[in-house]
Amino acid sequence: MFKQLLLKFLQRSASASKESDNTQEEMSFLDHLEELRWHILKIVAGLLIATIACAFFVDFIIQKILLGPLIAVGLKAQVLTPYGIVMLYFQAVLICGLIISMPNTLYWLWKFVSPGLMPKERRYVSGIVGFTSFCFFSGVAFGYFILLPAALDFFAHFGTENITLNVAIDRYVSFVLALILGAGLVFELPMISYFLSKMGILTPAFMRHYRRHAYVVILLISAIVTPTPDIVTQLLLAAPMFVLYEVSIFISKIVLRKKERASKEENTIGSEEHHDSDQT
């Protein structure tokens, strides 16, 4: 399975590099490093701007967004270090800035990758960034509004009443961050399917053939991404991944149809031009 994907990717890279050599001069290694440095600086600048903007709403972020799901299930966080509250404010602002600035981050990452694509595919960078951002924010919303409350409710009511559940704020922040960012990354599966199908690496037949293998991989990913060992949270994350995999097959099917239609139109136009030249 992976060997076939690797061979297709290498063939695709070779053809893309040949076409790019005909359209632009080859960049040196130092030029690539310089371009990467500027892209990283722009990503960091976007993160700083988003973080500063979030600092003006830090109290709302902590009280309503961060601690809201914990309070809703009857739990209360505690600080175990003298500087714990200060670190909490820094973490909350940085996490929100990281999430909000994700479209900017994705845009400059795609801009760095785009020279390796074929010229006709570079036009889709803006659309890919928008679709990638939509998938990421959908995953974050799923993790925050569905996964997080379900996991906290399970932990709050599990076990005997003689044991008090005290939640350390640093562990709680790490738990929330891993859960929502993990869900955001998992929801990128349709985008990855679209991109690989557009490149000709992935096909609907291939995904259907390895569906069982993919389901096993999904269960492993959900177990790794989920920051808790309980099966409930892992299944809650795995369930939408199963759906997303089926949606990815549908997306790959649509991409394949469009490519076949475009190929037929090109062949028709080419045959008509050839017929006209024969008549002349």
Protein backbone atom coordinates (compact mmCIF):
# COMPACT_ATOMS: atom_id res chain seq x y z
CA MET A 1 0.00 0.00 0.00
CA PHE A 2 2.62 2.53 1.09
CA LYS A 3 5.04 1.36 -1.61
CA GLN A 4 2.46 2.11 -4.32
CA LEU A 5 1.82 5.58 -2.89
CA LEU A 6 5.56 6.25 -2.72
CA LEU A 7 6.11 5.22 -6.33
CA LYS A 8 3.26 7.44 -7.52
CA PHE A 9 4.58 10.37 -5.50
CA LEU A 10 8.12 9.98 -6.89
CA GLN A 11 6.79 9.81 -10.45
CA ARG A 12 4.67 12.88 -9.81
CA SER A 13 7.61 14.80 -8.32
CA ALA A 14 9.80 13.95 -11.30
CA SER A 15 7.22 15.20 -13.82
CA ALA A 16 6.57 18.34 -11.78
CA SER A 17 10.26 19.13 -11.57
CA LYS A 18 10.69 18.73 -15.34
CA GLU A 19 7.79 21.09 -16.05
CA SER A 20 8.98 23.64 -13.50
CA ASP A 21 12.46 23.63 -15.05
CA ASN A 22 10.91 24.74 -18.33
CA THR A 23 9.02 27.63 -16.73
CA GLN A 24 11.45 29.01 -14.15
CA GLU A 25 15.13 28.98 -13.30
CA GLU A 26 16.30 26.47 -10.76
CA MET A 27 16.74 27.93 -7.30
CA SER A 28 19.87 27.23 -5.32
CA PHE A 29 19.85 25.64 -1.87
CA LEU A 30 20.61 28.99 -0.21
CA ASP A 31 17.74 30.61 -2.11
CA HIS A 32 15.38 27.97 -0.76
CA LEU A 33 16.65 28.58 2.77
CA GLU A 34 16.19 32.32 2.37
CA GLU A 35 12.66 31.84 1.08
CA LEU A 36 11.88 29.47 3.95
CA ARG A 37 13.21 32.00 6.45
CA TRP A 38 10.92 34.73 5.14
CA HIS A 39 7.92 32.41 5.16
CA ILE A 40 8.66 31.46 8.78
CA LEU A 41 8.97 35.12 9.73
CA LYS A 42 5.59 35.86 8.16
CA ILE A 43 4.06 32.93 10.03
CA VAL A 44 5.54 34.14 13.32
CA ALA A 45 4.34 37.70 12.59
CA GLY A 46 0.79 36.42 12.06
CA LEU A 47 1.00 34.45 15.30
CA LEU A 48 2.19 37.52 17.23
CA ILE A 49 -0.60 39.71 15.84
CA ALA A 50 -3.24 37.10 16.70
CA THR A 51 -1.75 36.59 20.18
CA ILE A 52 -1.74 40.32 20.92
CA ALA A 53 -5.36 40.57 19.77
CA CYS A 54 -6.33 37.68 22.05
CA ALA A 55 -4.60 39.37 25.02
CA PHE A 56 -7.36 42.02 25.07
CA PHE A 57 -9.95 39.25 25.68
CA VAL A 58 -7.89 37.03 27.97
CA ASP A 59 -10.37 37.10 30.88
CA PHE A 60 -13.24 36.00 28.62
CA ILE A 61 -11.02 33.32 27.05
CA ILE A 62 -10.11 31.83 30.42
CA GLN A 63 -13.44 32.17 32.25
CA LYS A 64 -15.83 31.26 29.43
CA ILE A 65 -13.88 29.33 26.81
CA LEU A 66 -11.17 27.48 28.71
CA LEU A 67 -12.79 26.86 32.11
CA GLY A 68 -16.40 26.83 30.87
CA PRO A 69 -16.55 23.11 29.97
CA LEU A 70 -14.86 22.19 33.28
CA ILE A 71 -17.30 24.23 35.36
CA ALA A 72 -20.27 22.86 33.39
CA VAL A 73 -19.63 19.33 34.71
CA GLY A 74 -19.14 20.51 38.30
CA LEU A 75 -15.35 20.43 38.41
CA LYS A 76 -12.95 23.15 39.49
CA ALA A 77 -9.33 23.69 38.51
CA GLN A 78 -6.56 24.32 41.00
CA VAL A 79 -3.11 25.87 40.72
CA LEU A 80 -0.22 23.95 42.28
CA THR A 81 2.59 26.47 41.72
CA PRO A 82 2.94 30.17 42.71
CA TYR A 83 3.27 31.24 39.08
CA GLY A 84 0.54 28.92 37.85
CA ILE A 85 -2.08 31.62 37.18
CA VAL A 86 0.43 33.76 35.27
CA MET A 87 1.40 30.80 33.11
CA LEU A 88 -2.26 30.03 32.56
CA TYR A 89 -2.85 33.49 31.08
CA PHE A 90 0.19 33.16 28.81
CA GLN A 91 -0.87 29.68 27.65
CA ALA A 92 -4.47 30.73 27.00
CA VAL A 93 -3.43 33.72 24.88
CA LEU A 94 -0.82 31.72 22.96
CA ILE A 95 -3.18 28.79 22.26
CA CYS A 96 -5.94 31.07 20.96
CA GLY A 97 -3.42 33.00 18.87
CA LEU A 98 -2.13 29.75 17.40
CA ILE A 99 -5.62 28.61 16.42
CA ILE A 100 -6.77 31.97 15.04
CA SER A 101 -3.59 32.48 12.99
CA MET A 102 -3.83 29.00 11.43
CA PRO A 103 -5.12 30.29 8.02
CA ASN A 104 -2.10 32.59 7.78
CA THR A 105 0.21 29.73 8.74
CA LEU A 106 -1.34 27.40 6.18
CA TYR A 107 -1.18 30.06 3.47
CA TRP A 108 2.56 30.64 3.79
CA LEU A 109 3.27 26.92 4.12
CA TRP A 110 1.40 26.30 0.86
CA LYS A 111 3.20 29.23 -0.78
CA PHE A 112 6.51 27.57 0.10
CA VAL A 113 5.34 24.20 -1.26
CA SER A 114 3.68 25.60 -4.41
CA PRO A 115 6.91 25.91 -6.49
CA GLY A 116 7.12 22.11 -6.36
CA LEU A 117 3.69 21.82 -7.96
CA MET A 118 2.88 21.98 -11.63
CA PRO A 119 2.07 25.49 -12.93
CA LYS A 120 -1.60 24.71 -13.56
CA GLU A 121 -1.95 23.47 -9.96
CA ARG A 122 -0.54 26.61 -8.34
CA ARG A 123 -3.80 28.39 -9.12
CA TYR A 124 -5.53 26.22 -6.52
CA VAL A 125 -3.37 27.36 -3.59
CA SER A 126 -5.91 29.91 -2.29
CA GLY A 127 -8.74 27.40 -2.56
CA ILE A 128 -6.67 24.74 -0.84
CA VAL A 129 -5.84 27.13 2.01
CA GLY A 130 -9.52 27.99 2.45
CA PHE A 131 -10.58 24.34 2.42
CA THR A 132 -7.75 23.38 4.77
CA SER A 133 -8.72 26.14 7.21
CA PHE A 134 -12.37 25.09 7.08
CA CYS A 135 -11.46 21.47 7.86
CA PHE A 136 -9.17 22.53 10.70
CA PHE A 137 -11.72 24.84 12.36
CA SER A 138 -14.41 22.17 11.94
CA GLY A 139 -12.17 19.73 13.80
CA VAL A 140 -11.44 22.28 16.53
CA ALA A 141 -15.18 22.94 16.95
CA PHE A 142 -15.89 19.20 17.11
CA GLY A 143 -13.16 18.71 19.70
CA TYR A 144 -14.34 21.62 21.86
CA PHE A 145 -18.13 21.23 21.67
CA ILE A 146 -18.42 17.43 21.51
CA LEU A 147 -15.24 15.61 22.52
CA LEU A 148 -14.22 17.83 25.45
CA PRO A 149 -17.63 17.92 27.25
CA ALA A 150 -18.11 14.16 26.75
CA ALA A 151 -14.66 13.36 28.12
CA LEU A 152 -15.00 15.71 31.11
CA ASP A 153 -18.47 14.38 31.93
CA PHE A 154 -17.12 10.82 31.81
CA PHE A 155 -14.23 11.67 34.15
CA ALA A 156 -16.40 13.71 36.55
CA HIS A 157 -18.91 10.90 37.14
CA PHE A 158 -16.58 7.93 36.98
CA GLY A 159 -15.77 6.01 40.15
CA THR A 160 -16.82 6.38 43.76
CA GLU A 161 -18.06 9.56 45.42
CA ASN A 162 -15.53 9.10 48.24
CA ILE A 163 -12.73 10.26 45.95
CA THR A 164 -12.53 13.96 45.11
CA LEU A 165 -11.38 14.80 41.61
CA ASN A 166 -8.96 17.73 41.74
CA VAL A 167 -7.90 19.05 38.35
CA ALA A 168 -4.44 20.64 38.03
CA ILE A 169 -4.73 23.59 35.67
CA ASP A 170 -1.51 22.80 33.76
CA ARG A 171 -2.65 19.22 33.10
CA TYR A 172 -6.08 20.47 32.10
CA VAL A 173 -4.67 22.98 29.59
CA SER A 174 -2.46 20.28 28.06
CA PHE A 175 -5.48 17.98 27.86
CA VAL A 176 -7.64 20.59 26.12
CA LEU A 177 -4.86 21.60 23.73
CA ALA A 178 -4.08 18.02 22.69
CA LEU A 179 -7.77 17.22 22.23
CA ILE A 180 -8.85 20.17 20.10
CA LEU A 181 -5.65 20.43 18.04
CA GLY A 182 -5.65 16.67 17.51
CA ALA A 183 -9.25 16.84 16.29
CA GLY A 184 -8.34 19.78 14.04
CA LEU A 185 -5.53 17.82 12.42
CA VAL A 186 -7.66 14.70 12.04
CA PHE A 187 -10.33 16.66 10.17
CA GLU A 188 -7.76 17.48 7.48
CA LEU A 189 -8.36 14.03 5.98
CA PRO A 190 -10.75 15.28 3.22
CA MET A 191 -8.25 17.98 2.22
CA ILE A 192 -5.43 15.46 2.06
CA SER A 193 -7.62 13.16 -0.03
CA TYR A 194 -8.50 16.00 -2.40
CA PHE A 195 -4.88 17.07 -2.81
CA LEU A 196 -3.56 13.54 -3.37
CA SER A 197 -6.39 12.78 -5.80
CA LYS A 198 -5.63 15.99 -7.68
CA MET A 199 -2.02 14.86 -8.00
CA GLY A 200 -3.12 11.43 -9.25
CA ILE A 201 -1.61 9.61 -6.27
CA LEU A 202 -4.92 8.55 -4.69
CA THR A 203 -7.95 6.98 -6.40
CA PRO A 204 -11.39 5.89 -5.11
CA ALA A 205 -10.65 2.28 -6.07
CA PHE A 206 -7.45 2.36 -4.04
CA MET A 207 -9.25 3.76 -0.97
CA ARG A 208 -12.06 1.22 -1.22
CA HIS A 209 -9.61 -1.65 -1.59
CA TYR A 210 -7.71 -0.66 1.57
CA ARG A 211 -10.78 0.43 3.58
CA ARG A 212 -10.26 -2.21 6.30
CA HIS A 213 -6.60 -1.31 6.66
CA ALA A 214 -7.54 2.37 6.88
CA TYR A 215 -10.05 1.69 9.66
CA VAL A 216 -7.37 -0.04 11.70
CA VAL A 217 -5.03 2.92 11.15
CA ILE A 218 -7.83 5.30 12.19
CA LEU A 219 -8.26 3.44 15.48
CA LEU A 220 -4.51 3.66 16.10
CA ILE A 221 -4.46 7.37 15.28
CA SER A 222 -7.39 8.07 17.61
CA ALA A 223 -5.60 6.21 20.39
CA ILE A 224 -2.42 8.24 19.81
CA VAL A 225 -4.08 11.64 19.34
CA THR A 226 -6.46 11.30 22.30
CA PRO A 227 -4.60 12.44 25.43
CA THR A 228 -6.52 10.00 27.67
CA PRO A 229 -6.50 6.20 27.82
CA ASP A 230 -10.30 5.84 28.06
CA ILE A 231 -12.02 4.07 25.20
CA VAL A 232 -14.98 6.49 25.20
CA THR A 233 -12.95 9.53 24.05
CA GLN A 234 -11.03 7.44 21.54
CA LEU A 235 -14.22 6.11 19.96
CA LEU A 236 -15.72 9.61 19.88
CA LEU A 237 -12.72 10.75 17.85
CA ALA A 238 -12.60 7.62 15.69
CA ALA A 239 -16.31 7.80 14.70
CA PRO A 240 -16.05 11.03 12.66
CA MET A 241 -12.79 9.78 11.18
CA PHE A 242 -14.66 6.80 9.73
CA VAL A 243 -17.20 9.21 8.24
CA LEU A 244 -14.43 11.49 6.95
CA TYR A 245 -12.76 8.54 5.25
CA GLU A 246 -15.97 7.73 3.37
CA VAL A 247 -16.35 11.43 2.50
CA SER A 248 -12.76 11.39 1.23
CA ILE A 249 -13.63 8.52 -1.11
CA PHE A 250 -16.52 10.59 -2.46
CA ILE A 251 -14.24 13.64 -2.89
CA SER A 252 -11.64 11.53 -4.69
CA LYS A 253 -14.38 10.21 -6.97
CA ILE A 254 -15.46 13.75 -7.88
CA VAL A 255 -11.88 14.80 -8.58
CA LEU A 256 -11.35 11.74 -10.79
CA ARG A 257 -14.51 12.50 -12.78
CA LYS A 258 -13.41 16.10 -13.36
CA LYS A 259 -9.99 14.94 -14.51
CA GLU A 260 -11.52 12.42 -16.92
CA ARG A 261 -13.93 15.05 -18.26
CA ALA A 262 -11.09 17.53 -18.77
CA SER A 263 -9.01 14.84 -20.49
CA LYS A 264 -11.88 14.02 -22.86
CA GLU A 265 -12.34 17.69 -23.70
CA GLU A 266 -8.62 18.07 -24.43
CA ASN A 267 -8.68 14.99 -26.65
CA THR A 268 -11.76 16.30 -28.48
CA ILE A 269 -10.18 19.70 -29.07
CA GLY A 270 -6.94 18.06 -30.19
CA SER A 271 -8.75 15.79 -32.65
CA GLU A 272 -10.72 18.72 -34.08
CA GLU A 273 -7.55 20.76 -34.55
CA HIS A 274 -5.87 17.78 -36.20
CA HIS A 275 -8.88 17.32 -38.49
CA ASP A 276 -8.87 20.98 -39.47
CA SER A 277 -5.14 20.87 -40.26
CA ASP A 278 -5.69 17.81 -42.46
CA GLN A 279 -8.39 19.63 -44.44
CA THR A 280 -6.15 22.64 -45.00
